[in-house]
Amino acid sequence: MKIAFFASSLVSAYWNGAATYYRGMVYALHDRGHEVTFYEPDAFGRQEHRDIPDPDWARVVVYPAKSEAELLKTVEQARVADLIVKASGVGVFDELLERAVLQFQGPSTLVLFWDVDAPATLDRVHKNAADPFRALIPRYDLVLTYGGGNPVVKAYLSLGAKECVPIYNALDPSTHFPVPPDARFEADLGFLGNRLPDREARVDEFFLQTAASVPEKRFLLGGNGWQDKPMPANVNYLGHVFTHEHNAFNCTPLAVLNINRESMARYGFSPPTRVFEAAGAKACLITDAWEGIELFLEPDKEVLLAHNGADVVEHLRALTPERSRAIGEAGYHRIVAQHTYAHRASQLEAILGGMKR
């Protein structure tokens, strides 16, 4: 199957948290014999902050992001595809892309909307009945999301979607795996995430206030945008951490922390890529509590849950190296057995195979 994929970026994770997801899905689809062309705009400094060169498992087309005419010329290339995907959050001419890809829909071409931030998309269209995307939802053959579970499915169906199915984040064992510890990342607790309005208050509570409460512990913060944020003295801020360094970042601290954005936590069933990256590295993961975590990892055995910053403090004070290793091992085996991108690609094939043309 020839697949045309319009999304933010495959080659750069710079201000692009979905990069791991795209890479995992595209690589797994290629591995199953599909031919993927990934279209991404030259925008937001991502080409200057590439994590990977153009891969041999996908054709990458980087198009100018300066005019609608240039974009429409690029979209025309997708005419030969059997499956066209418009992902949310491309960041440049999203409304135009949402309309333009539908022109190729027909008996031999399916057109899907793949929402990598369903809470934000749904909040947007619910707040604005005139949002142009709202009227387009029923026209897509299928809506896929990378999280949200039943609440998101019901919301999309109520907006007229023909079908909505979550394709959750997962692990690519070829890129995220255990490595030796790296002295640069030594800490009691590490957190990796960009500074976003929807996350900042939760980072304050679960990470920065926690650090202030246990000044004898060492904390590690990676991600973009935190350089002017006041921090306790025991927090080491690294700035942007490239994807190839994520394994060492996850393997070295005693534990790593996941903090969902507020909207993701509210909808539940939304494990971000960091959960699977950490589990794939056999890290001891502490995550903020959200509905649906049990679908992916068993609390207290494969992951530690925190309902607030006080819970994080309690976990850190009780955590021993032996306990950390046991949780990391258990989480790793669960994810490898049930939640790799090979599993997700197989799921996608089954969904597409069951659709009526």
Protein backbone atom coordinates (compact mmCIF):
# COMPACT_ATOMS: atom_id res chain seq x y z
CA MET A 1 0.00 0.00 0.00
CA LYS A 2 1.26 3.49 -0.86
CA ILE A 3 0.74 5.85 2.08
CA ALA A 4 1.04 9.66 2.01
CA PHE A 5 1.50 11.12 5.49
CA PHE A 6 1.15 14.87 6.14
CA ALA A 7 2.42 15.71 9.65
CA SER A 8 4.74 17.94 11.65
CA SER A 9 8.09 16.18 11.26
CA LEU A 10 9.59 12.73 10.99
CA VAL A 11 13.23 13.81 11.08
CA SER A 12 13.15 16.28 13.99
CA ALA A 13 11.84 16.08 17.54
CA TYR A 14 12.52 19.80 18.10
CA TRP A 15 9.30 21.22 19.60
CA ASN A 16 7.71 18.09 18.16
CA GLY A 17 6.74 15.54 20.79
CA ALA A 18 5.00 13.34 18.20
CA ALA A 19 8.25 12.51 16.38
CA THR A 20 8.78 9.24 18.25
CA TYR A 21 5.21 8.19 17.48
CA TYR A 22 5.54 8.98 13.78
CA ARG A 23 8.87 7.19 13.51
CA GLY A 24 7.60 4.11 15.27
CA MET A 25 4.45 3.84 13.19
CA VAL A 26 6.10 4.60 9.85
CA TYR A 27 8.98 2.19 10.47
CA ALA A 28 6.57 -0.58 11.48
CA LEU A 29 4.42 0.01 8.40
CA HIS A 30 7.50 -0.10 6.19
CA ASP A 31 8.57 -3.31 7.89
CA ARG A 32 5.22 -4.81 6.91
CA GLY A 33 5.74 -3.96 3.24
CA HIS A 34 4.04 -0.56 2.92
CA GLU A 35 5.58 2.38 1.07
CA VAL A 36 5.37 5.62 3.06
CA THR A 37 6.02 9.17 1.86
CA PHE A 38 6.14 11.62 4.76
CA TYR A 39 5.41 15.26 3.93
CA GLU A 40 6.59 17.85 6.46
CA PRO A 41 6.95 21.64 6.32
CA ASP A 42 10.25 23.48 6.61
CA ALA A 43 9.17 25.33 9.76
CA PHE A 44 9.92 26.08 13.43
CA GLY A 45 13.66 25.43 13.04
CA ARG A 46 13.13 21.70 12.87
CA GLN A 47 15.32 21.10 9.83
CA GLU A 48 18.14 22.89 11.67
CA HIS A 49 17.62 20.61 14.68
CA ARG A 50 17.29 17.22 12.98
CA ASP A 51 17.64 14.09 15.10
CA ILE A 52 17.97 11.76 12.14
CA PRO A 53 18.86 11.98 8.44
CA ASP A 54 16.29 10.95 5.87
CA PRO A 55 15.65 7.29 6.75
CA ASP A 56 15.76 4.39 4.31
CA TRP A 57 12.33 3.24 5.57
CA ALA A 58 10.42 6.29 4.34
CA ARG A 59 10.64 8.93 1.65
CA VAL A 60 10.71 12.35 3.31
CA VAL A 61 9.50 15.39 1.40
CA VAL A 62 10.28 18.70 3.10
CA TYR A 63 8.16 21.40 1.48
CA PRO A 64 8.37 25.21 1.75
CA ALA A 65 6.02 26.67 4.31
CA LYS A 66 5.65 30.12 2.81
CA SER A 67 2.59 30.04 0.56
CA GLU A 68 -0.62 28.13 -0.03
CA ALA A 69 0.30 27.65 -3.71
CA GLU A 70 3.52 25.84 -2.80
CA LEU A 71 1.64 23.64 -0.37
CA LEU A 72 -1.01 22.70 -2.92
CA LYS A 73 1.71 21.66 -5.38
CA THR A 74 3.06 19.33 -2.71
CA VAL A 75 -0.37 17.93 -1.88
CA GLU A 76 -0.86 17.08 -5.55
CA GLN A 77 1.94 14.51 -5.24
CA ALA A 78 -0.27 12.45 -2.92
CA ARG A 79 -2.76 11.74 -5.71
CA VAL A 80 -1.14 8.32 -6.38
CA ALA A 81 -1.48 7.11 -2.78
CA ASP A 82 -3.80 4.35 -1.63
CA LEU A 83 -4.03 5.94 1.83
CA ILE A 84 -3.66 9.64 2.65
CA VAL A 85 -3.19 10.71 6.26
CA LYS A 86 -3.61 14.26 7.52
CA ALA A 87 -2.25 14.43 11.06
CA SER A 88 -3.23 17.14 13.50
CA GLY A 89 -0.77 19.82 14.51
CA VAL A 90 1.29 20.18 11.33
CA GLY A 91 1.60 23.78 12.41
CA VAL A 92 1.53 25.38 8.95
CA PHE A 93 -1.63 25.75 6.83
CA ASP A 94 -3.45 23.08 8.83
CA GLU A 95 -6.92 24.25 7.75
CA LEU A 96 -5.91 24.19 4.09
CA LEU A 97 -4.42 20.71 4.42
CA GLU A 98 -7.56 19.42 6.15
CA ARG A 99 -9.59 20.42 3.09
CA ALA A 100 -7.05 19.71 0.36
CA VAL A 101 -6.38 16.04 1.11
CA LEU A 102 -10.08 15.20 0.81
CA GLN A 103 -10.08 16.00 -2.93
CA PHE A 104 -8.35 12.66 -3.60
CA GLN A 105 -10.85 10.56 -1.67
CA GLY A 106 -12.43 7.86 -3.80
CA PRO A 107 -12.93 4.14 -4.41
CA SER A 108 -9.18 3.49 -4.54
CA THR A 109 -8.00 6.07 -1.98
CA LEU A 110 -8.87 6.30 1.71
CA VAL A 111 -8.32 9.61 3.51
CA LEU A 112 -7.84 9.56 7.28
CA PHE A 113 -7.48 12.22 9.95
CA TRP A 114 -4.92 11.14 12.55
CA ASP A 115 -5.24 13.19 15.70
CA VAL A 116 -2.10 13.27 17.82
CA ASP A 117 -3.66 15.75 20.25
CA ALA A 118 -7.35 14.87 20.41
CA PRO A 119 -8.07 16.82 23.62
CA ALA A 120 -6.84 20.04 22.01
CA THR A 121 -8.70 19.39 18.75
CA LEU A 122 -11.96 18.50 20.47
CA ASP A 123 -11.75 21.44 22.86
CA ARG A 124 -11.21 23.70 19.85
CA VAL A 125 -14.23 22.55 17.85
CA HIS A 126 -16.51 22.39 20.89
CA LYS A 127 -15.68 25.98 21.78
CA ASN A 128 -16.21 27.21 18.22
CA ALA A 129 -19.16 25.81 16.27
CA ALA A 130 -17.87 27.65 13.18
CA ASP A 131 -14.46 25.98 13.26
CA PRO A 132 -13.87 24.82 9.63
CA PHE A 133 -12.62 21.40 10.69
CA ARG A 134 -15.89 20.61 12.45
CA ALA A 135 -17.75 20.34 9.11
CA LEU A 136 -14.98 18.19 7.61
CA ILE A 137 -14.98 15.48 10.28
CA PRO A 138 -17.86 13.46 8.72
CA ARG A 139 -16.12 13.47 5.34
CA TYR A 140 -13.03 11.58 6.46
CA ASP A 141 -13.16 7.80 6.00
CA LEU A 142 -11.77 7.32 9.49
CA VAL A 143 -10.45 9.28 12.46
CA LEU A 144 -7.52 7.78 14.34
CA THR A 145 -6.19 9.14 17.61
CA TYR A 146 -3.11 8.34 19.61
CA GLY A 147 -4.98 8.51 22.87
CA GLY A 148 -8.18 9.37 24.64
CA GLY A 149 -10.01 6.05 24.81
CA ASN A 150 -13.82 5.96 24.93
CA PRO A 151 -14.26 9.65 25.88
CA VAL A 152 -12.49 10.73 22.68
CA VAL A 153 -14.21 8.10 20.52
CA LYS A 154 -17.66 9.19 21.75
CA ALA A 155 -16.78 12.85 21.22
CA TYR A 156 -15.70 12.29 17.62
CA LEU A 157 -18.72 10.11 16.84
CA SER A 158 -21.01 12.83 18.21
CA LEU A 159 -19.38 15.22 15.73
CA GLY A 160 -20.27 12.94 12.84
CA ALA A 161 -17.12 10.86 12.40
CA LYS A 162 -17.80 7.66 10.46
CA GLU A 163 -15.51 5.79 12.82
CA CYS A 164 -12.91 6.70 15.46
CA VAL A 165 -10.26 4.32 16.76
CA PRO A 166 -7.34 4.96 19.14
CA ILE A 167 -3.92 3.81 17.93
CA TYR A 168 -1.96 4.31 21.13
CA ASN A 169 1.65 5.27 21.50
CA ALA A 170 4.01 2.33 21.74
CA LEU A 171 7.64 1.22 21.83
CA ASP A 172 10.04 0.83 18.95
CA PRO A 173 12.58 -1.61 20.47
CA SER A 174 15.11 -0.77 17.76
CA THR A 175 15.42 2.85 18.92
CA HIS A 176 14.56 2.78 22.64
CA PHE A 177 16.35 0.18 24.70
CA PRO A 178 18.60 -0.16 27.79
CA VAL A 179 22.07 1.39 27.59
CA PRO A 180 24.82 1.91 30.20
CA PRO A 181 24.33 4.85 32.60
CA ASP A 182 25.74 8.21 31.56
CA ALA A 183 27.27 10.48 34.21
CA ARG A 184 25.68 13.55 32.56
CA PHE A 185 22.26 12.27 33.55
CA GLU A 186 22.86 11.13 37.12
CA ALA A 187 19.93 12.09 39.35
CA ASP A 188 17.31 10.71 41.69
CA LEU A 189 14.51 11.82 39.36
CA GLY A 190 14.53 12.92 35.73
CA PHE A 191 11.75 14.60 33.75
CA LEU A 192 11.79 15.23 30.01
CA GLY A 193 9.15 17.48 28.47
CA ASN A 194 8.75 20.78 26.64
CA ARG A 195 7.30 23.78 28.43
CA LEU A 196 3.66 24.11 27.38
CA PRO A 197 0.81 26.14 28.95
CA ASP A 198 -1.26 22.97 29.32
CA ARG A 199 1.50 21.26 31.31
CA GLU A 200 3.35 23.94 33.27
CA ALA A 201 1.18 23.99 36.40
CA ARG A 202 1.46 20.20 36.65
CA VAL A 203 5.24 20.37 36.23
CA ASP A 204 5.31 22.91 39.05
CA GLU A 205 3.39 20.54 41.32
CA PHE A 206 4.78 17.14 40.40
CA PHE A 207 8.40 18.09 39.68
CA LEU A 208 9.60 21.52 40.83
CA GLN A 209 7.73 21.60 44.16
CA THR A 210 8.82 18.03 44.74
CA ALA A 211 12.44 19.06 44.20
CA ALA A 212 12.05 21.91 46.67
CA SER A 213 10.60 19.48 49.25
CA VAL A 214 13.59 17.14 49.16
CA PRO A 215 16.68 19.32 48.74
CA GLU A 216 18.92 16.33 49.45
CA LYS A 217 17.75 14.66 46.19
CA ARG A 218 19.05 15.47 42.70
CA PHE A 219 16.65 16.35 39.87
CA LEU A 220 17.18 16.48 36.12
CA LEU A 221 15.03 18.50 33.70
CA GLY A 222 15.23 18.21 29.91
CA GLY A 223 13.13 19.90 27.23
CA ASN A 224 12.65 23.21 25.48
CA GLY A 225 11.45 26.47 26.97
CA TRP A 226 12.38 26.18 30.66
CA GLN A 227 15.47 28.42 30.59
CA ASP A 228 13.80 31.37 32.34
CA LYS A 229 11.77 29.27 34.80
CA PRO A 230 12.79 29.71 38.47
CA MET A 231 14.03 26.37 39.80
CA PRO A 232 15.30 24.94 43.08
CA ALA A 233 19.07 24.65 43.36
CA ASN A 234 18.93 20.85 43.18
CA VAL A 235 17.44 20.87 39.65
CA ASN A 236 19.88 20.54 36.75
CA TYR A 237 18.34 21.95 33.55
CA LEU A 238 19.73 20.49 30.32
CA GLY A 239 17.69 22.23 27.62
CA HIS A 240 16.78 20.27 24.49
CA VAL A 241 17.70 16.60 24.73
CA PHE A 242 18.11 14.97 21.33
CA THR A 243 16.30 11.71 20.66
CA HIS A 244 19.51 9.70 20.46
CA GLU A 245 20.21 10.71 24.07
CA HIS A 246 16.83 9.65 25.45
CA ASN A 247 17.95 6.11 26.27
CA ALA A 248 20.79 7.32 28.47
CA PHE A 249 18.52 9.96 30.02
CA ASN A 250 16.03 7.25 30.97
CA CYS A 251 18.55 4.61 32.06
CA THR A 252 20.67 6.73 34.40
CA PRO A 253 18.45 8.33 37.11
CA LEU A 254 16.98 6.26 39.93
CA ALA A 255 13.54 7.04 38.44
CA VAL A 256 12.02 9.08 35.63
CA LEU A 257 8.80 11.03 35.79
CA ASN A 258 5.97 11.32 33.28
CA ILE A 259 3.65 14.33 33.57
CA ASN A 260 0.69 14.40 31.20
CA ARG A 261 -0.65 17.69 29.97
CA GLU A 262 -3.80 18.73 31.82
CA SER A 263 -6.10 17.98 28.89
CA MET A 264 -4.55 14.55 28.35
CA ALA A 265 -4.96 13.68 32.01
CA ARG A 266 -8.56 14.91 31.94
CA TYR A 267 -9.52 12.68 29.00
CA GLY A 268 -7.43 9.76 30.26
CA PHE A 269 -6.25 6.79 28.19
CA SER A 270 -3.46 8.98 26.80
CA PRO A 271 -0.01 7.52 27.43
CA PRO A 272 2.57 9.85 25.85
CA THR A 273 5.59 8.59 23.97
CA ARG A 274 7.78 9.18 27.03
CA VAL A 275 6.02 6.34 28.90
CA PHE A 276 7.08 3.82 26.29
CA GLU A 277 10.54 5.29 25.79
CA ALA A 278 11.16 4.98 29.53
CA ALA A 279 9.75 1.46 29.76
CA GLY A 280 11.81 0.40 26.76
CA ALA A 281 14.94 1.55 28.57
CA LYS A 282 13.94 -0.44 31.68
CA ALA A 283 13.56 2.79 33.63
CA CYS A 284 11.63 2.93 36.87
CA LEU A 285 8.74 5.13 35.81
CA ILE A 286 6.66 7.36 38.07
CA THR A 287 3.62 8.82 36.29
CA ASP A 288 0.90 11.22 37.27
CA ALA A 289 -2.31 9.24 37.73
CA TRP A 290 -4.82 9.16 34.89
CA GLU A 291 -7.67 6.86 33.92
CA GLY A 292 -6.59 3.93 31.77
CA ILE A 293 -2.97 3.49 32.87
CA GLU A 294 -3.78 -0.15 33.71
CA LEU A 295 -4.21 -0.88 29.98
CA PHE A 296 -0.50 -0.36 29.57
CA LEU A 297 1.29 -0.88 32.90
CA GLU A 298 0.27 -2.38 36.23
CA PRO A 299 0.51 0.11 39.12
CA ASP A 300 2.97 -0.73 41.92
CA LYS A 301 4.46 -3.55 39.88
CA GLU A 302 5.31 -2.07 36.47
CA VAL A 303 4.86 1.64 37.20
CA LEU A 304 4.46 3.93 40.23
CA LEU A 305 1.46 6.29 40.33
CA ALA A 306 1.40 9.79 41.79
CA HIS A 307 -1.82 11.74 42.37
CA ASN A 308 0.11 14.82 43.48
CA GLY A 309 3.58 16.06 44.30
CA ALA A 310 3.44 14.59 47.79
CA ASP A 311 3.11 11.12 46.25
CA VAL A 312 6.23 11.73 44.16
CA VAL A 313 8.13 12.71 47.30
CA GLU A 314 6.92 9.56 49.06
CA HIS A 315 7.99 7.35 46.16
CA LEU A 316 11.45 8.91 46.05
CA ARG A 317 12.01 8.53 49.77
CA ALA A 318 10.99 4.86 49.69
CA LEU A 319 12.65 3.88 46.42
CA THR A 320 15.77 1.71 46.58
CA PRO A 321 18.01 0.77 43.64
CA GLU A 322 16.72 -2.81 43.91
CA ARG A 323 13.07 -1.72 43.80
CA SER A 324 13.83 0.63 40.92
CA ARG A 325 15.37 -2.18 38.88
CA ALA A 326 12.47 -4.54 39.59
CA ILE A 327 9.87 -2.02 38.42
CA GLY A 328 11.93 -1.19 35.33
CA GLU A 329 12.31 -4.86 34.40
CA ALA A 330 8.61 -5.61 34.87
CA GLY A 331 7.52 -2.58 32.85
CA TYR A 332 9.92 -3.45 30.05
CA HIS A 333 8.63 -7.00 29.65
CA ARG A 334 4.98 -5.85 29.66
CA ILE A 335 5.57 -3.22 26.98
CA VAL A 336 7.68 -5.46 24.73
CA ALA A 337 5.07 -8.22 24.93
CA GLN A 338 1.99 -6.09 24.23
CA HIS A 339 2.75 -2.51 23.20
CA THR A 340 5.25 -2.18 20.36
CA TYR A 341 4.68 -0.34 17.10
CA ALA A 342 4.58 -3.72 15.37
CA HIS A 343 1.43 -4.40 17.42
CA ARG A 344 0.03 -0.99 16.42
CA ALA A 345 0.77 -1.46 12.71
CA SER A 346 -0.97 -4.84 12.78
CA GLN A 347 -3.96 -3.17 14.44
CA LEU A 348 -4.07 -0.49 11.75
CA GLU A 349 -3.97 -3.09 8.97
CA ALA A 350 -6.88 -4.94 10.58
CA ILE A 351 -8.90 -1.71 10.82
CA LEU A 352 -8.26 -0.76 7.19
CA GLY A 353 -8.95 -4.31 6.03
CA GLY A 354 -12.37 -4.22 7.63
CA MET A 355 -13.44 -0.92 6.11
CA LYS A 356 -15.97 -0.71 3.30
CA ARG A 357 -14.80 1.19 0.28
